[in-house]
Amino acid sequence: MRYLLISCLSQLAVEYGKNAIIVKVDTDDEYEFAHDMQVRGLPTLFFISPDPNKEAIRTEGLIPIQMMRDILDNEM
């Protein structure tokens, strides 16, 4: 599952270029950050718009790459 997610995120990074910033956080190394962000399950993805008026979208568990594209295209 981990490698599938990494592959999907790498593909999205290429597709969206500078229009999306993808950051991976190791929750074992960044326990306090994960706690502050209320990460309960892995993987947890946060889609944060540059528009401060839009709410961040949070997903838990593996989601299809097309769903990620839909969020990036339609919700950000």
N, C-alpha and C. Protein backbone atom coordinates (compact mmCIF):
# COMPACT_ATOMS: atom_id res chain seq x y z
N MET A 1 0.83 -1.19 0.00
CA MET A 1 0.00 0.00 0.00
C MET A 1 0.88 1.26 0.00
N ARG A 2 1.92 1.26 0.81
CA ARG A 2 2.79 2.44 0.92
C ARG A 2 3.40 2.79 -0.44
N TYR A 3 3.90 1.77 -1.14
CA TYR A 3 4.56 2.04 -2.42
C TYR A 3 3.56 2.47 -3.48
N LEU A 4 2.34 1.97 -3.40
CA LEU A 4 1.30 2.39 -4.33
C LEU A 4 0.99 3.88 -4.13
N LEU A 5 0.87 4.29 -2.88
CA LEU A 5 0.60 5.70 -2.58
C LEU A 5 1.76 6.58 -3.05
N ILE A 6 2.99 6.16 -2.77
CA ILE A 6 4.15 6.94 -3.19
C ILE A 6 4.17 7.07 -4.71
N SER A 7 3.84 6.01 -5.41
CA SER A 7 3.78 6.04 -6.87
C SER A 7 2.72 7.01 -7.35
N CYS A 8 1.54 6.97 -6.75
CA CYS A 8 0.44 7.88 -7.13
C CYS A 8 0.83 9.33 -6.88
N LEU A 9 1.41 9.61 -5.72
CA LEU A 9 1.79 10.99 -5.40
C LEU A 9 2.90 11.48 -6.30
N SER A 10 3.83 10.61 -6.67
CA SER A 10 4.89 10.99 -7.61
C SER A 10 4.30 11.33 -8.97
N GLN A 11 3.33 10.53 -9.40
CA GLN A 11 2.68 10.78 -10.68
C GLN A 11 1.94 12.12 -10.65
N LEU A 12 1.24 12.40 -9.56
CA LEU A 12 0.53 13.68 -9.44
C LEU A 12 1.50 14.85 -9.42
N ALA A 13 2.65 14.69 -8.77
CA ALA A 13 3.65 15.75 -8.73
C ALA A 13 4.12 16.10 -10.13
N VAL A 14 4.27 15.09 -10.98
CA VAL A 14 4.68 15.34 -12.36
C VAL A 14 3.53 15.99 -13.13
N GLU A 15 2.32 15.47 -12.98
CA GLU A 15 1.16 15.99 -13.71
C GLU A 15 0.85 17.44 -13.37
N TYR A 16 0.93 17.78 -12.09
CA TYR A 16 0.51 19.12 -11.65
C TYR A 16 1.67 20.10 -11.54
N GLY A 17 2.88 19.61 -11.58
CA GLY A 17 4.05 20.49 -11.55
C GLY A 17 3.99 21.48 -10.41
N LYS A 18 4.12 22.76 -10.73
CA LYS A 18 4.13 23.81 -9.70
C LYS A 18 2.74 24.16 -9.19
N ASN A 19 1.71 23.54 -9.76
CA ASN A 19 0.35 23.83 -9.32
C ASN A 19 -0.05 23.06 -8.07
N ALA A 20 0.79 22.15 -7.63
CA ALA A 20 0.52 21.41 -6.41
C ALA A 20 1.84 21.10 -5.73
N ILE A 21 1.86 21.26 -4.44
CA ILE A 21 3.05 20.92 -3.65
C ILE A 21 2.69 19.69 -2.83
N ILE A 22 3.48 18.64 -2.99
CA ILE A 22 3.21 17.39 -2.29
C ILE A 22 4.32 17.19 -1.26
N VAL A 23 3.92 17.00 -0.01
CA VAL A 23 4.86 16.85 1.08
C VAL A 23 4.53 15.56 1.82
N LYS A 24 5.55 14.74 2.07
CA LYS A 24 5.36 13.52 2.85
C LYS A 24 5.97 13.76 4.23
N VAL A 25 5.20 13.40 5.25
CA VAL A 25 5.66 13.56 6.62
C VAL A 25 5.71 12.18 7.28
N ASP A 26 6.84 11.83 7.84
CA ASP A 26 6.99 10.57 8.57
C ASP A 26 6.43 10.77 9.97
N THR A 27 5.30 10.15 10.24
CA THR A 27 4.62 10.37 11.52
C THR A 27 5.39 9.79 12.70
N ASP A 28 6.30 8.84 12.45
CA ASP A 28 7.13 8.34 13.55
C ASP A 28 8.15 9.39 13.97
N ASP A 29 8.72 10.09 12.98
CA ASP A 29 9.70 11.14 13.28
C ASP A 29 9.04 12.44 13.72
N GLU A 30 7.84 12.68 13.22
CA GLU A 30 7.13 13.95 13.49
C GLU A 30 5.87 13.68 14.30
N TYR A 31 6.05 13.00 15.43
CA TYR A 31 4.91 12.60 16.25
C TYR A 31 4.08 13.79 16.71
N GLU A 32 4.71 14.86 17.16
CA GLU A 32 3.96 16.02 17.66
C GLU A 32 3.13 16.65 16.55
N PHE A 33 3.70 16.77 15.36
CA PHE A 33 2.97 17.32 14.23
C PHE A 33 1.76 16.44 13.91
N ALA A 34 1.98 15.13 13.86
CA ALA A 34 0.88 14.20 13.57
C ALA A 34 -0.20 14.31 14.65
N HIS A 35 0.20 14.47 15.88
CA HIS A 35 -0.76 14.62 16.98
C HIS A 35 -1.54 15.92 16.82
N ASP A 36 -0.84 17.01 16.51
CA ASP A 36 -1.50 18.30 16.33
C ASP A 36 -2.49 18.27 15.17
N MET A 37 -2.17 17.50 14.13
CA MET A 37 -3.04 17.40 12.96
C MET A 37 -4.10 16.31 13.12
N GLN A 38 -4.10 15.67 14.28
CA GLN A 38 -5.07 14.62 14.63
C GLN A 38 -5.05 13.46 13.64
N VAL A 39 -3.86 13.05 13.26
CA VAL A 39 -3.71 11.89 12.38
C VAL A 39 -3.98 10.64 13.21
N ARG A 40 -5.01 9.91 12.82
CA ARG A 40 -5.40 8.70 13.54
C ARG A 40 -5.12 7.43 12.74
N GLY A 41 -5.21 7.56 11.42
CA GLY A 41 -4.99 6.41 10.56
C GLY A 41 -4.06 6.79 9.43
N LEU A 42 -3.42 5.78 8.87
CA LEU A 42 -2.49 6.02 7.77
C LEU A 42 -2.95 5.26 6.55
N PRO A 43 -2.79 5.82 5.39
CA PRO A 43 -2.31 7.18 5.15
C PRO A 43 -3.39 8.22 5.40
N THR A 44 -2.98 9.39 5.81
CA THR A 44 -3.87 10.55 5.92
C THR A 44 -3.34 11.60 4.95
N LEU A 45 -4.23 12.10 4.10
CA LEU A 45 -3.86 13.13 3.14
C LEU A 45 -4.60 14.41 3.47
N PHE A 46 -3.90 15.53 3.37
CA PHE A 46 -4.51 16.84 3.53
C PHE A 46 -4.35 17.58 2.21
N PHE A 47 -5.45 18.10 1.69
CA PHE A 47 -5.43 18.93 0.50
C PHE A 47 -5.74 20.34 0.97
N ILE A 48 -4.75 21.21 0.89
CA ILE A 48 -4.88 22.56 1.42
C ILE A 48 -4.81 23.55 0.27
N SER A 49 -5.86 24.32 0.11
CA SER A 49 -5.95 25.28 -0.97
C SER A 49 -5.12 26.52 -0.66
N PRO A 50 -4.58 27.17 -1.68
CA PRO A 50 -3.92 28.45 -1.44
C PRO A 50 -4.93 29.55 -1.10
N ASP A 51 -6.21 29.29 -1.36
CA ASP A 51 -7.28 30.23 -1.02
C ASP A 51 -7.62 30.06 0.46
N PRO A 52 -7.32 31.05 1.29
CA PRO A 52 -7.56 30.91 2.74
C PRO A 52 -9.04 30.77 3.10
N ASN A 53 -9.93 31.07 2.18
CA ASN A 53 -11.36 30.95 2.45
C ASN A 53 -11.88 29.53 2.25
N LYS A 54 -11.06 28.66 1.68
CA LYS A 54 -11.48 27.28 1.46
C LYS A 54 -10.97 26.40 2.58
N GLU A 55 -11.82 25.49 3.01
CA GLU A 55 -11.45 24.52 4.04
C GLU A 55 -10.51 23.47 3.46
N ALA A 56 -9.59 22.99 4.27
CA ALA A 56 -8.74 21.87 3.85
C ALA A 56 -9.59 20.62 3.74
N ILE A 57 -9.22 19.77 2.83
CA ILE A 57 -9.91 18.48 2.67
C ILE A 57 -8.97 17.41 3.21
N ARG A 58 -9.52 16.55 4.04
CA ARG A 58 -8.74 15.51 4.70
C ARG A 58 -9.31 14.16 4.31
N THR A 59 -8.43 13.23 3.96
CA THR A 59 -8.86 11.86 3.69
C THR A 59 -8.01 10.91 4.52
N GLU A 60 -8.60 9.81 4.92
CA GLU A 60 -7.86 8.76 5.63
C GLU A 60 -8.03 7.47 4.87
N GLY A 61 -6.96 6.71 4.77
CA GLY A 61 -6.98 5.47 4.01
C GLY A 61 -6.58 5.75 2.56
N LEU A 62 -6.28 4.69 1.87
CA LEU A 62 -5.86 4.82 0.48
C LEU A 62 -7.06 5.18 -0.39
N ILE A 63 -6.92 6.23 -1.19
CA ILE A 63 -7.99 6.63 -2.10
C ILE A 63 -7.46 6.53 -3.53
N PRO A 64 -8.35 6.32 -4.49
CA PRO A 64 -7.90 6.19 -5.88
C PRO A 64 -7.27 7.49 -6.40
N ILE A 65 -6.32 7.34 -7.31
CA ILE A 65 -5.63 8.51 -7.85
C ILE A 65 -6.62 9.45 -8.54
N GLN A 66 -7.67 8.91 -9.15
CA GLN A 66 -8.65 9.78 -9.81
C GLN A 66 -9.37 10.66 -8.79
N MET A 67 -9.60 10.14 -7.60
CA MET A 67 -10.23 10.95 -6.55
C MET A 67 -9.29 12.09 -6.13
N MET A 68 -8.01 11.79 -6.07
CA MET A 68 -7.03 12.84 -5.75
C MET A 68 -7.05 13.92 -6.84
N ARG A 69 -7.08 13.49 -8.09
CA ARG A 69 -7.15 14.46 -9.20
C ARG A 69 -8.42 15.31 -9.10
N ASP A 70 -9.55 14.67 -8.81
CA ASP A 70 -10.81 15.39 -8.69
C ASP A 70 -10.74 16.45 -7.60
N ILE A 71 -10.15 16.10 -6.48
CA ILE A 71 -10.00 17.08 -5.39
C ILE A 71 -9.11 18.23 -5.85
N LEU A 72 -7.98 17.92 -6.45
CA LEU A 72 -7.06 18.97 -6.90
C LEU A 72 -7.71 19.85 -7.98
N ASP A 73 -8.43 19.24 -8.90
CA ASP A 73 -9.04 19.99 -10.01
C ASP A 73 -10.27 20.79 -9.61
N ASN A 74 -11.07 20.24 -8.72
CA ASN A 74 -12.40 20.82 -8.46
C ASN A 74 -12.54 21.51 -7.10
N GLU A 75 -11.70 21.17 -6.15
CA GLU A 75 -11.89 21.68 -4.80
C GLU A 75 -10.81 22.67 -4.36
N MET A 76 -9.73 22.73 -5.08
CA MET A 76 -8.63 23.60 -4.68
C MET A 76 -8.75 24.88 -5.48
